[in-house]
All heavy atoms as atom14 arrays in JSON, in Angstrom:
{
  "sequence": "VLLEVDPKCYVAIHEADLRAGNPLRLISGKGDQSFMIESSPV",
  "atom14_mask": [
    [1, 1, 1, 1, 1, 1, 1, 0, 0, 0, 0, 0, 0, 0],
    [1, 1, 1, 1, 1, 1, 1, 1, 0, 0, 0, 0, 0, 0],
    [1, 1, 1, 1, 1, 1, 1, 1, 0, 0, 0, 0, 0, 0],
    [1, 1, 1, 1, 1, 1, 1, 1, 1, 0, 0, 0, 0, 0],
    [1, 1, 1, 1, 1, 1, 1, 0, 0, 0, 0, 0, 0, 0],
    [1, 1, 1, 1, 1, 1, 1, 1, 0, 0, 0, 0, 0, 0],
    [1, 1, 1, 1, 1, 1, 1, 0, 0, 0, 0, 0, 0, 0],
    [1, 1, 1, 1, 1, 1, 1, 1, 1, 0, 0, 0, 0, 0],
    [1, 1, 1, 1, 1, 1, 0, 0, 0, 0, 0, 0, 0, 0],
    [1, 1, 1, 1, 1, 1, 1, 1, 1, 1, 1, 1, 0, 0],
    [1, 1, 1, 1, 1, 1, 1, 0, 0, 0, 0, 0, 0, 0],
    [1, 1, 1, 1, 1, 0, 0, 0, 0, 0, 0, 0, 0, 0],
    [1, 1, 1, 1, 1, 1, 1, 1, 0, 0, 0, 0, 0, 0],
    [1, 1, 1, 1, 1, 1, 1, 1, 1, 1, 0, 0, 0, 0],
    [1, 1, 1, 1, 1, 1, 1, 1, 1, 0, 0, 0, 0, 0],
    [1, 1, 1, 1, 1, 0, 0, 0, 0, 0, 0, 0, 0, 0],
    [1, 1, 1, 1, 1, 1, 1, 1, 0, 0, 0, 0, 0, 0],
    [1, 1, 1, 1, 1, 1, 1, 1, 0, 0, 0, 0, 0, 0],
    [1, 1, 1, 1, 1, 1, 1, 1, 1, 1, 1, 0, 0, 0],
    [1, 1, 1, 1, 1, 0, 0, 0, 0, 0, 0, 0, 0, 0],
    [1, 1, 1, 1, 0, 0, 0, 0, 0, 0, 0, 0, 0, 0],
    [1, 1, 1, 1, 1, 1, 1, 1, 0, 0, 0, 0, 0, 0],
    [1, 1, 1, 1, 1, 1, 1, 0, 0, 0, 0, 0, 0, 0],
    [1, 1, 1, 1, 1, 1, 1, 1, 0, 0, 0, 0, 0, 0],
    [1, 1, 1, 1, 1, 1, 1, 1, 1, 1, 1, 0, 0, 0],
    [1, 1, 1, 1, 1, 1, 1, 1, 0, 0, 0, 0, 0, 0],
    [1, 1, 1, 1, 1, 1, 1, 1, 0, 0, 0, 0, 0, 0],
    [1, 1, 1, 1, 1, 1, 0, 0, 0, 0, 0, 0, 0, 0],
    [1, 1, 1, 1, 0, 0, 0, 0, 0, 0, 0, 0, 0, 0],
    [1, 1, 1, 1, 1, 1, 1, 1, 1, 0, 0, 0, 0, 0],
    [1, 1, 1, 1, 0, 0, 0, 0, 0, 0, 0, 0, 0, 0],
    [1, 1, 1, 1, 1, 1, 1, 1, 0, 0, 0, 0, 0, 0],
    [1, 1, 1, 1, 1, 1, 1, 1, 1, 0, 0, 0, 0, 0],
    [1, 1, 1, 1, 1, 1, 0, 0, 0, 0, 0, 0, 0, 0],
    [1, 1, 1, 1, 1, 1, 1, 1, 1, 1, 1, 0, 0, 0],
    [1, 1, 1, 1, 1, 1, 1, 1, 0, 0, 0, 0, 0, 0],
    [1, 1, 1, 1, 1, 1, 1, 1, 0, 0, 0, 0, 0, 0],
    [1, 1, 1, 1, 1, 1, 1, 1, 1, 0, 0, 0, 0, 0],
    [1, 1, 1, 1, 1, 1, 0, 0, 0, 0, 0, 0, 0, 0],
    [1, 1, 1, 1, 1, 1, 0, 0, 0, 0, 0, 0, 0, 0],
    [1, 1, 1, 1, 1, 1, 1, 0, 0, 0, 0, 0, 0, 0],
    [1, 1, 1, 1, 1, 1, 1, 0, 0, 0, 0, 0, 0, 0]
  ],
  "atom14_positions": [
    [[0.91, -1.21, 0.01], [0.0, -0.01, -0.02], [0.93, 1.2, 0.03], [1.65, 1.49, 0.92], [-0.92, 0.0, 1.27], [-1.7, 1.23, 1.23], [-1.82, -1.19, 1.2], [0.0, 0.0, 0.0], [0.0, 0.0, 0.0], [0.0, 0.0, 0.0], [0.0, 0.0, 0.0], [0.0, 0.0, 0.0], [0.0, 0.0, 0.0], [0.0, 0.0, 0.0]],
    [[0.81, 2.04, -1.04], [1.69, 3.13, -1.23], [0.93, 4.44, -0.93], [-0.32, 4.53, -1.27], [2.17, 3.23, -2.67], [2.9, 4.57, -3.15], [4.22, 4.71, -2.51], [2.99, 4.55, -4.63], [0.0, 0.0, 0.0], [0.0, 0.0, 0.0], [0.0, 0.0, 0.0], [0.0, 0.0, 0.0], [0.0, 0.0, 0.0], [0.0, 0.0, 0.0]],
    [[1.53, 5.41, -0.22], [0.84, 6.64, 0.12], [1.82, 7.81, -0.23], [2.94, 7.81, 0.05], [0.55, 6.68, 1.67], [-0.33, 5.59, 2.16], [0.42, 4.58, 2.89], [-1.42, 6.2, 3.12], [0.0, 0.0, 0.0], [0.0, 0.0, 0.0], [0.0, 0.0, 0.0], [0.0, 0.0, 0.0], [0.0, 0.0, 0.0], [0.0, 0.0, 0.0]],
    [[1.21, 8.78, -0.8], [1.83, 10.06, -1.18], [1.53, 11.03, 0.01], [0.41, 11.58, 0.14], [1.42, 10.66, -2.41], [2.17, 11.97, -2.79], [1.71, 12.56, -4.07], [0.46, 12.7, -4.25], [2.59, 12.92, -4.88], [0.0, 0.0, 0.0], [0.0, 0.0, 0.0], [0.0, 0.0, 0.0], [0.0, 0.0, 0.0], [0.0, 0.0, 0.0]],
    [[2.54, 11.32, 0.87], [2.41, 12.3, 1.91], [2.42, 13.66, 1.33], [1.58, 14.57, 1.69], [3.47, 12.1, 2.98], [3.43, 13.14, 4.07], [3.45, 10.68, 3.55], [0.0, 0.0, 0.0], [0.0, 0.0, 0.0], [0.0, 0.0, 0.0], [0.0, 0.0, 0.0], [0.0, 0.0, 0.0], [0.0, 0.0, 0.0], [0.0, 0.0, 0.0]],
    [[3.44, 13.92, 0.47], [3.48, 15.13, -0.33], [4.38, 14.83, -1.48], [4.94, 13.72, -1.55], [3.9, 16.36, 0.44], [5.35, 16.21, 1.06], [6.24, 15.72, 0.31], [5.51, 16.63, 2.28], [0.0, 0.0, 0.0], [0.0, 0.0, 0.0], [0.0, 0.0, 0.0], [0.0, 0.0, 0.0], [0.0, 0.0, 0.0], [0.0, 0.0, 0.0]],
    [[4.54, 15.75, -2.48], [5.41, 15.38, -3.62], [6.87, 15.03, -3.32], [7.57, 14.57, -4.22], [5.33, 16.67, -4.51], [4.0, 17.3, -4.1], [3.86, 16.99, -2.64], [0.0, 0.0, 0.0], [0.0, 0.0, 0.0], [0.0, 0.0, 0.0], [0.0, 0.0, 0.0], [0.0, 0.0, 0.0], [0.0, 0.0, 0.0], [0.0, 0.0, 0.0]],
    [[7.25, 15.27, -2.09], [8.62, 14.9, -1.72], [8.69, 13.93, -0.55], [9.74, 13.88, 0.16], [9.49, 16.2, -1.38], [9.69, 17.12, -2.55], [10.59, 18.3, -2.19], [10.87, 19.17, -3.41], [11.75, 20.33, -3.02], [0.0, 0.0, 0.0], [0.0, 0.0, 0.0], [0.0, 0.0, 0.0], [0.0, 0.0, 0.0], [0.0, 0.0, 0.0]],
    [[7.58, 13.23, -0.37], [7.5, 12.28, 0.77], [6.55, 11.2, 0.39], [5.39, 11.39, 0.26], [7.11, 12.96, 2.02], [7.03, 11.94, 3.53], [0.0, 0.0, 0.0], [0.0, 0.0, 0.0], [0.0, 0.0, 0.0], [0.0, 0.0, 0.0], [0.0, 0.0, 0.0], [0.0, 0.0, 0.0], [0.0, 0.0, 0.0], [0.0, 0.0, 0.0]],
    [[7.09, 9.95, 0.39], [6.27, 8.77, 0.04], [6.56, 7.63, 1.09], [7.69, 7.5, 1.55], [6.61, 8.24, -1.31], [6.23, 9.19, -2.46], [7.16, 10.14, -2.87], [5.04, 9.17, -3.05], [6.88, 11.06, -3.95], [4.68, 9.99, -4.04], [5.62, 10.92, -4.54], [5.25, 11.82, -5.51], [0.0, 0.0, 0.0], [0.0, 0.0, 0.0]],
    [[5.46, 6.88, 1.48], [5.72, 5.76, 2.31], [4.94, 4.57, 1.69], [3.9, 4.76, 0.95], [5.21, 6.01, 3.76], [6.07, 7.12, 4.46], [3.71, 6.45, 3.83], [0.0, 0.0, 0.0], [0.0, 0.0, 0.0], [0.0, 0.0, 0.0], [0.0, 0.0, 0.0], [0.0, 0.0, 0.0], [0.0, 0.0, 0.0], [0.0, 0.0, 0.0]],
    [[5.28, 3.36, 2.15], [4.55, 2.14, 1.71], [4.58, 1.2, 2.82], [5.56, 0.98, 3.4], [5.28, 1.59, 0.47], [0.0, 0.0, 0.0], [0.0, 0.0, 0.0], [0.0, 0.0, 0.0], [0.0, 0.0, 0.0], [0.0, 0.0, 0.0], [0.0, 0.0, 0.0], [0.0, 0.0, 0.0], [0.0, 0.0, 0.0], [0.0, 0.0, 0.0]],
    [[3.46, 0.52, 2.99], [3.25, -0.39, 4.12], [3.41, -1.85, 3.48], [2.82, -2.21, 2.49], [1.84, -0.36, 4.76], [1.6, 1.11, 5.27], [1.74, -1.35, 5.91], [0.23, 1.27, 5.75], [0.0, 0.0, 0.0], [0.0, 0.0, 0.0], [0.0, 0.0, 0.0], [0.0, 0.0, 0.0], [0.0, 0.0, 0.0], [0.0, 0.0, 0.0]],
    [[4.25, -2.64, 4.2], [4.52, -3.96, 3.78], [4.84, -4.84, 5.0], [4.72, -4.38, 6.16], [5.69, -4.05, 2.76], [5.57, -5.13, 1.74], [4.89, -6.28, 1.97], [6.18, -5.26, 0.57], [5.0, -7.1, 0.93], [5.74, -6.46, -0.02], [0.0, 0.0, 0.0], [0.0, 0.0, 0.0], [0.0, 0.0, 0.0], [0.0, 0.0, 0.0]],
    [[5.25, -6.04, 4.83], [5.71, -6.98, 5.91], [6.91, -7.72, 5.44], [7.24, -7.85, 4.21], [4.61, -7.87, 6.38], [4.19, -8.95, 5.43], [3.13, -9.91, 5.93], [2.89, -9.85, 7.21], [2.52, -10.6, 5.21], [0.0, 0.0, 0.0], [0.0, 0.0, 0.0], [0.0, 0.0, 0.0], [0.0, 0.0, 0.0], [0.0, 0.0, 0.0]],
    [[7.61, -8.4, 6.37], [8.77, -9.23, 6.14], [8.85, -10.35, 7.16], [8.33, -10.2, 8.3], [10.0, -8.42, 6.14], [0.0, 0.0, 0.0], [0.0, 0.0, 0.0], [0.0, 0.0, 0.0], [0.0, 0.0, 0.0], [0.0, 0.0, 0.0], [0.0, 0.0, 0.0], [0.0, 0.0, 0.0], [0.0, 0.0, 0.0], [0.0, 0.0, 0.0]],
    [[9.48, -11.41, 6.76], [9.76, -12.56, 7.64], [8.52, -13.14, 8.33], [8.36, -13.3, 9.53], [10.77, -12.16, 8.74], [11.29, -13.41, 9.51], [11.19, -14.47, 8.9], [11.99, -13.12, 10.58], [0.0, 0.0, 0.0], [0.0, 0.0, 0.0], [0.0, 0.0, 0.0], [0.0, 0.0, 0.0], [0.0, 0.0, 0.0], [0.0, 0.0, 0.0]],
    [[7.53, -13.39, 7.44], [6.21, -14.02, 7.85], [6.49, -15.49, 8.13], [6.76, -16.27, 7.23], [5.19, -13.82, 6.87], [3.81, -14.57, 7.13], [3.16, -13.96, 8.35], [2.87, -14.4, 5.9], [0.0, 0.0, 0.0], [0.0, 0.0, 0.0], [0.0, 0.0, 0.0], [0.0, 0.0, 0.0], [0.0, 0.0, 0.0], [0.0, 0.0, 0.0]],
    [[6.34, -15.99, 9.43], [6.61, -17.38, 9.79], [5.39, -18.12, 10.18], [5.35, -19.37, 10.12], [7.63, -17.4, 10.92], [8.88, -16.62, 10.69], [9.92, -16.78, 11.76], [10.99, -15.81, 11.59], [12.14, -15.87, 12.24], [12.35, -16.8, 13.14], [13.1, -14.96, 12.02], [0.0, 0.0, 0.0], [0.0, 0.0, 0.0], [0.0, 0.0, 0.0]],
    [[4.35, -17.42, 10.59], [3.08, -18.04, 11.0], [1.91, -17.1, 10.71], [2.12, -15.9, 10.81], [3.17, -18.44, 12.44], [0.0, 0.0, 0.0], [0.0, 0.0, 0.0], [0.0, 0.0, 0.0], [0.0, 0.0, 0.0], [0.0, 0.0, 0.0], [0.0, 0.0, 0.0], [0.0, 0.0, 0.0], [0.0, 0.0, 0.0], [0.0, 0.0, 0.0]],
    [[0.78, -17.71, 10.44], [-0.4, -16.85, 10.21], [-0.58, -16.44, 8.76], [0.1, -16.96, 7.92], [0.0, 0.0, 0.0], [0.0, 0.0, 0.0], [0.0, 0.0, 0.0], [0.0, 0.0, 0.0], [0.0, 0.0, 0.0], [0.0, 0.0, 0.0], [0.0, 0.0, 0.0], [0.0, 0.0, 0.0], [0.0, 0.0, 0.0], [0.0, 0.0, 0.0]],
    [[-1.48, -15.64, 8.57], [-1.87, -15.15, 7.22], [-1.06, -14.0, 6.65], [-0.6, -13.21, 7.47], [-3.34, -14.82, 7.13], [-4.21, -16.04, 7.42], [-3.98, -17.1, 7.05], [-5.35, -15.74, 8.18], [0.0, 0.0, 0.0], [0.0, 0.0, 0.0], [0.0, 0.0, 0.0], [0.0, 0.0, 0.0], [0.0, 0.0, 0.0], [0.0, 0.0, 0.0]],
    [[-0.86, -13.86, 5.35], [-0.19, -12.65, 4.83], [-0.99, -11.4, 5.32], [-2.16, -11.44, 5.56], [-0.27, -12.85, 3.35], [-0.37, -14.27, 3.17], [-1.21, -14.81, 4.27], [0.0, 0.0, 0.0], [0.0, 0.0, 0.0], [0.0, 0.0, 0.0], [0.0, 0.0, 0.0], [0.0, 0.0, 0.0], [0.0, 0.0, 0.0], [0.0, 0.0, 0.0]],
    [[-0.2, -10.22, 5.26], [-0.72, -9.03, 5.89], [-1.97, -8.49, 5.02], [-1.9, -8.49, 3.67], [0.32, -7.97, 5.78], [-0.03, -6.5, 6.23], [-0.46, -6.53, 7.68], [1.16, -5.63, 6.01], [0.0, 0.0, 0.0], [0.0, 0.0, 0.0], [0.0, 0.0, 0.0], [0.0, 0.0, 0.0], [0.0, 0.0, 0.0], [0.0, 0.0, 0.0]],
    [[-2.99, -8.19, 5.66], [-4.19, -7.53, 5.07], [-4.55, -6.29, 5.95], [-4.6, -6.45, 7.19], [-5.4, -8.49, 4.94], [-5.25, -9.44, 3.73], [-6.07, -10.66, 3.96], [-7.54, -10.27, 4.04], [-8.32, -10.35, 3.01], [-7.92, -10.65, 1.84], [-9.55, -10.06, 3.09], [0.0, 0.0, 0.0], [0.0, 0.0, 0.0], [0.0, 0.0, 0.0]],
    [[-4.78, -5.23, 5.34], [-5.04, -4.0, 6.1], [-6.57, -3.64, 5.89], [-7.07, -3.77, 4.82], [-4.22, -2.85, 5.59], [-2.67, -3.1, 5.68], [-1.93, -2.05, 4.83], [-2.25, -3.06, 7.14], [0.0, 0.0, 0.0], [0.0, 0.0, 0.0], [0.0, 0.0, 0.0], [0.0, 0.0, 0.0], [0.0, 0.0, 0.0], [0.0, 0.0, 0.0]],
    [[-7.18, -3.16, 6.93], [-8.55, -2.79, 6.88], [-8.77, -1.35, 7.39], [-8.13, -0.83, 8.32], [-9.44, -3.8, 7.76], [-10.99, -3.49, 7.6], [-9.07, -3.63, 9.3], [-11.78, -4.59, 8.18], [0.0, 0.0, 0.0], [0.0, 0.0, 0.0], [0.0, 0.0, 0.0], [0.0, 0.0, 0.0], [0.0, 0.0, 0.0], [0.0, 0.0, 0.0]],
    [[-9.67, -0.72, 6.67], [-9.95, 0.77, 7.01], [-11.48, 1.03, 6.85], [-12.12, 0.38, 5.92], [-9.18, 1.71, 6.05], [-9.41, 3.03, 6.4], [0.0, 0.0, 0.0], [0.0, 0.0, 0.0], [0.0, 0.0, 0.0], [0.0, 0.0, 0.0], [0.0, 0.0, 0.0], [0.0, 0.0, 0.0], [0.0, 0.0, 0.0], [0.0, 0.0, 0.0]],
    [[-12.0, 1.87, 7.65], [-13.36, 2.21, 7.5], [-13.54, 3.58, 6.91], [-12.64, 4.51, 6.99], [0.0, 0.0, 0.0], [0.0, 0.0, 0.0], [0.0, 0.0, 0.0], [0.0, 0.0, 0.0], [0.0, 0.0, 0.0], [0.0, 0.0, 0.0], [0.0, 0.0, 0.0], [0.0, 0.0, 0.0], [0.0, 0.0, 0.0], [0.0, 0.0, 0.0]],
    [[-14.59, 3.79, 6.21], [-14.84, 5.03, 5.56], [-14.82, 6.25, 6.5], [-15.4, 6.17, 7.57], [-16.13, 5.05, 4.76], [-16.3, 6.12, 3.69], [-17.61, 6.0, 2.87], [-17.71, 7.07, 1.9], [-16.59, 7.16, 0.91], [0.0, 0.0, 0.0], [0.0, 0.0, 0.0], [0.0, 0.0, 0.0], [0.0, 0.0, 0.0], [0.0, 0.0, 0.0]],
    [[-14.05, 7.26, 6.19], [-13.93, 8.41, 7.12], [-12.66, 8.39, 7.97], [-12.21, 9.39, 8.46], [0.0, 0.0, 0.0], [0.0, 0.0, 0.0], [0.0, 0.0, 0.0], [0.0, 0.0, 0.0], [0.0, 0.0, 0.0], [0.0, 0.0, 0.0], [0.0, 0.0, 0.0], [0.0, 0.0, 0.0], [0.0, 0.0, 0.0], [0.0, 0.0, 0.0]],
    [[-12.04, 7.17, 8.06], [-10.79, 6.99, 8.8], [-9.59, 7.53, 7.91], [-9.66, 7.65, 6.65], [-10.57, 5.59, 9.14], [-11.58, 5.06, 10.09], [-12.28, 5.93, 10.79], [-11.7, 3.83, 10.29], [0.0, 0.0, 0.0], [0.0, 0.0, 0.0], [0.0, 0.0, 0.0], [0.0, 0.0, 0.0], [0.0, 0.0, 0.0], [0.0, 0.0, 0.0]],
    [[-8.54, 7.78, 8.64], [-7.26, 8.02, 8.03], [-6.21, 7.02, 8.49], [-5.02, 7.41, 8.67], [-6.74, 9.48, 8.29], [-7.64, 10.51, 7.8], [-7.17, 11.91, 8.14], [-7.79, 12.88, 7.72], [-6.16, 12.04, 8.97], [0.0, 0.0, 0.0], [0.0, 0.0, 0.0], [0.0, 0.0, 0.0], [0.0, 0.0, 0.0], [0.0, 0.0, 0.0]],
    [[-6.6, 5.79, 8.64], [-5.79, 4.79, 9.26], [-6.05, 3.4, 8.69], [-7.11, 3.13, 8.03], [-6.04, 4.81, 10.77], [-7.4, 4.42, 11.16], [0.0, 0.0, 0.0], [0.0, 0.0, 0.0], [0.0, 0.0, 0.0], [0.0, 0.0, 0.0], [0.0, 0.0, 0.0], [0.0, 0.0, 0.0], [0.0, 0.0, 0.0], [0.0, 0.0, 0.0]],
    [[-5.14, 2.52, 8.96], [-5.27, 1.11, 8.68], [-5.06, 0.36, 9.93], [-4.16, 0.66, 10.7], [-4.25, 0.62, 7.62], [-4.55, 1.13, 6.22], [-3.73, 1.97, 5.64], [-5.56, 0.58, 5.5], [-3.99, 2.37, 4.32], [-5.89, 0.98, 4.21], [-5.01, 1.84, 3.57], [0.0, 0.0, 0.0], [0.0, 0.0, 0.0], [0.0, 0.0, 0.0]],
    [[-5.88, -0.74, 10.18], [-5.58, -1.65, 11.25], [-5.39, -2.93, 10.55], [-5.73, -3.2, 9.36], [-6.85, -1.81, 12.09], [-7.32, -0.55, 12.76], [-6.05, 0.22, 13.88], [-5.92, -1.08, 15.15], [0.0, 0.0, 0.0], [0.0, 0.0, 0.0], [0.0, 0.0, 0.0], [0.0, 0.0, 0.0], [0.0, 0.0, 0.0], [0.0, 0.0, 0.0]],
    [[-4.56, -3.82, 11.23], [-4.3, -5.12, 10.69], [-5.5, -6.06, 10.8], [-6.04, -6.25, 11.97], [-2.96, -5.8, 11.27], [-1.8, -4.91, 10.84], [-2.81, -7.17, 10.97], [-0.5, -5.35, 11.43], [0.0, 0.0, 0.0], [0.0, 0.0, 0.0], [0.0, 0.0, 0.0], [0.0, 0.0, 0.0], [0.0, 0.0, 0.0], [0.0, 0.0, 0.0]],
    [[-5.98, -6.71, 9.71], [-6.96, -7.7, 9.8], [-6.31, -8.97, 10.08], [-5.52, -9.52, 9.39], [-7.68, -7.79, 8.48], [-8.92, -8.79, 8.64], [-9.32, -9.31, 7.28], [-8.54, -9.82, 6.52], [-10.58, -9.26, 6.92], [0.0, 0.0, 0.0], [0.0, 0.0, 0.0], [0.0, 0.0, 0.0], [0.0, 0.0, 0.0], [0.0, 0.0, 0.0]],
    [[-6.58, -9.46, 11.38], [-5.85, -10.65, 11.82], [-6.87, -11.71, 12.27], [-8.06, -11.42, 12.54], [-4.91, -10.27, 12.98], [-5.59, -9.69, 13.94], [0.0, 0.0, 0.0], [0.0, 0.0, 0.0], [0.0, 0.0, 0.0], [0.0, 0.0, 0.0], [0.0, 0.0, 0.0], [0.0, 0.0, 0.0], [0.0, 0.0, 0.0], [0.0, 0.0, 0.0]],
    [[-6.32, -12.93, 12.35], [-7.09, -14.1, 12.85], [-6.28, -14.83, 13.76], [-5.1, -14.54, 13.92], [-7.5, -14.94, 11.62], [-6.33, -15.35, 10.92], [0.0, 0.0, 0.0], [0.0, 0.0, 0.0], [0.0, 0.0, 0.0], [0.0, 0.0, 0.0], [0.0, 0.0, 0.0], [0.0, 0.0, 0.0], [0.0, 0.0, 0.0], [0.0, 0.0, 0.0]],
    [[-6.8, -15.77, 14.64], [-6.1, -16.44, 15.62], [-4.87, -17.17, 14.95], [-4.93, -17.7, 13.88], [-7.08, -17.56, 16.09], [-8.41, -16.86, 15.89], [-8.33, -16.15, 14.64], [0.0, 0.0, 0.0], [0.0, 0.0, 0.0], [0.0, 0.0, 0.0], [0.0, 0.0, 0.0], [0.0, 0.0, 0.0], [0.0, 0.0, 0.0], [0.0, 0.0, 0.0]],
    [[-3.75, -17.09, 15.74], [-2.48, -17.66, 15.27], [-1.73, -18.05, 16.47], [-1.77, -17.49, 17.53], [-1.72, -16.69, 14.44], [-1.33, -15.44, 15.19], [-0.46, -17.31, 13.83], [0.0, 0.0, 0.0], [0.0, 0.0, 0.0], [0.0, 0.0, 0.0], [0.0, 0.0, 0.0], [0.0, 0.0, 0.0], [0.0, 0.0, 0.0], [0.0, 0.0, 0.0]]
  ]
}
């Protein structure tokens, strides 16, 4: 997930070294400015 903060600032959300559980999925509700991790028991 890539985000443009401004024309001279970019960030991207990712993950590394996944050993257990599901690959990363991010969830957001309309009106929010955030992501939470959608997770399940692991």
